[in-house]
Amino acid sequence: MNDLLAGAVAMGFALIGLFFLRFWRRTGDRFFLYFAASFWIETANRIALSLVPYASEHEPVFYLVRLLGYALILVAIWQKNRARR
């Protein structure tokens, strides 16, 4: 049952990534590209969690991958809101 739910969560992240990719293609704004990449990183992380036997979300490798995805979102927000010269 856990694998089924992990697959559903991974599919949801992948679909959200496609959603942001569509907006990036329309607008050309890197903000949406960073968000799409972040959700695809999270998709890969969830798939890896379900494929590795006895894996836990709290292991440093999986935690650092998730941290990378969230850092990418923060960079996107920072670039969008920084002062333009």
Protein backbone atom coordinates (compact mmCIF):
# COMPACT_ATOMS: atom_id res chain seq x y z
CA MET A 1 0.00 0.00 0.00
CA ASN A 2 2.87 2.37 0.78
CA ASP A 3 4.35 1.83 -2.68
CA LEU A 4 1.01 2.67 -4.25
CA LEU A 5 0.75 5.91 -2.30
CA ALA A 6 4.39 6.79 -3.03
CA GLY A 7 3.71 6.28 -6.73
CA ALA A 8 0.63 8.51 -6.54
CA VAL A 9 2.62 11.24 -4.79
CA ALA A 10 5.42 10.96 -7.36
CA MET A 11 2.89 11.18 -10.19
CA GLY A 12 1.38 14.27 -8.58
CA PHE A 13 4.77 15.96 -8.36
CA ALA A 14 5.49 15.08 -11.99
CA LEU A 15 2.16 16.54 -13.12
CA ILE A 16 2.77 19.73 -11.17
CA GLY A 17 6.17 19.95 -12.88
CA LEU A 18 4.48 19.66 -16.28
CA PHE A 19 1.99 22.34 -15.23
CA PHE A 20 4.83 24.78 -14.48
CA LEU A 21 6.63 23.78 -17.67
CA ARG A 22 3.56 24.78 -19.66
CA PHE A 23 3.61 28.24 -18.07
CA TRP A 24 7.34 28.56 -18.75
CA ARG A 25 6.77 27.79 -22.43
CA ARG A 26 4.04 30.44 -22.62
CA THR A 27 5.86 33.20 -20.76
CA GLY A 28 9.56 32.35 -21.04
CA ASP A 29 9.94 33.29 -17.36
CA ARG A 30 12.67 31.28 -15.60
CA PHE A 31 10.59 31.37 -12.42
CA PHE A 32 8.31 28.66 -13.80
CA LEU A 33 11.25 26.62 -15.11
CA TYR A 34 12.84 26.56 -11.66
CA PHE A 35 9.58 25.45 -10.11
CA ALA A 36 9.18 22.69 -12.70
CA ALA A 37 12.73 21.48 -12.05
CA SER A 38 12.12 21.53 -8.32
CA PHE A 39 9.04 19.34 -8.61
CA TRP A 40 10.84 16.92 -10.94
CA ILE A 41 13.68 16.64 -8.44
CA GLU A 42 11.08 15.79 -5.81
CA THR A 43 9.55 13.23 -8.21
CA ALA A 44 12.92 11.53 -8.65
CA ASN A 45 13.43 11.58 -4.89
CA ARG A 46 10.07 9.89 -4.25
CA ILE A 47 10.75 7.25 -6.89
CA ALA A 48 14.18 6.56 -5.38
CA LEU A 49 12.62 6.29 -1.92
CA SER A 50 10.22 3.63 -3.12
CA LEU A 51 12.84 1.67 -5.09
CA VAL A 52 15.58 1.52 -2.45
CA PRO A 53 14.86 -1.24 0.07
CA TYR A 54 14.61 -0.09 3.68
CA ALA A 55 14.95 3.57 2.72
CA SER A 56 13.72 6.31 5.01
CA GLU A 57 12.87 9.93 4.32
CA HIS A 58 15.11 10.90 7.19
CA GLU A 59 18.31 9.54 5.67
CA PRO A 60 20.72 12.33 4.75
CA VAL A 61 20.90 11.50 1.03
CA PHE A 62 17.14 11.79 0.51
CA TYR A 63 16.91 14.78 2.81
CA LEU A 64 19.63 16.66 0.89
CA VAL A 65 17.90 15.99 -2.44
CA ARG A 66 14.70 17.45 -1.01
CA LEU A 67 16.68 20.40 0.34
CA LEU A 68 18.07 21.00 -3.16
CA GLY A 69 14.54 21.15 -4.57
CA TYR A 70 13.40 23.63 -1.94
CA ALA A 71 16.54 25.72 -2.44
CA LEU A 72 15.70 25.91 -6.13
CA ILE A 73 12.27 27.30 -5.24
CA LEU A 74 13.88 29.90 -2.97
CA VAL A 75 16.30 30.93 -5.73
CA ALA A 76 13.37 31.31 -8.14
CA ILE A 77 11.48 33.51 -5.69
CA TRP A 78 14.60 35.57 -4.91
CA GLN A 79 15.35 36.16 -8.60
CA LYS A 80 11.76 37.13 -9.30
CA ASN A 81 11.63 39.68 -6.48
CA ARG A 82 15.10 41.23 -6.63
CA ALA A 83 15.33 44.86 -7.65
CA ARG A 84 15.73 45.42 -11.36
CA ARG A 85 18.30 47.96 -12.42
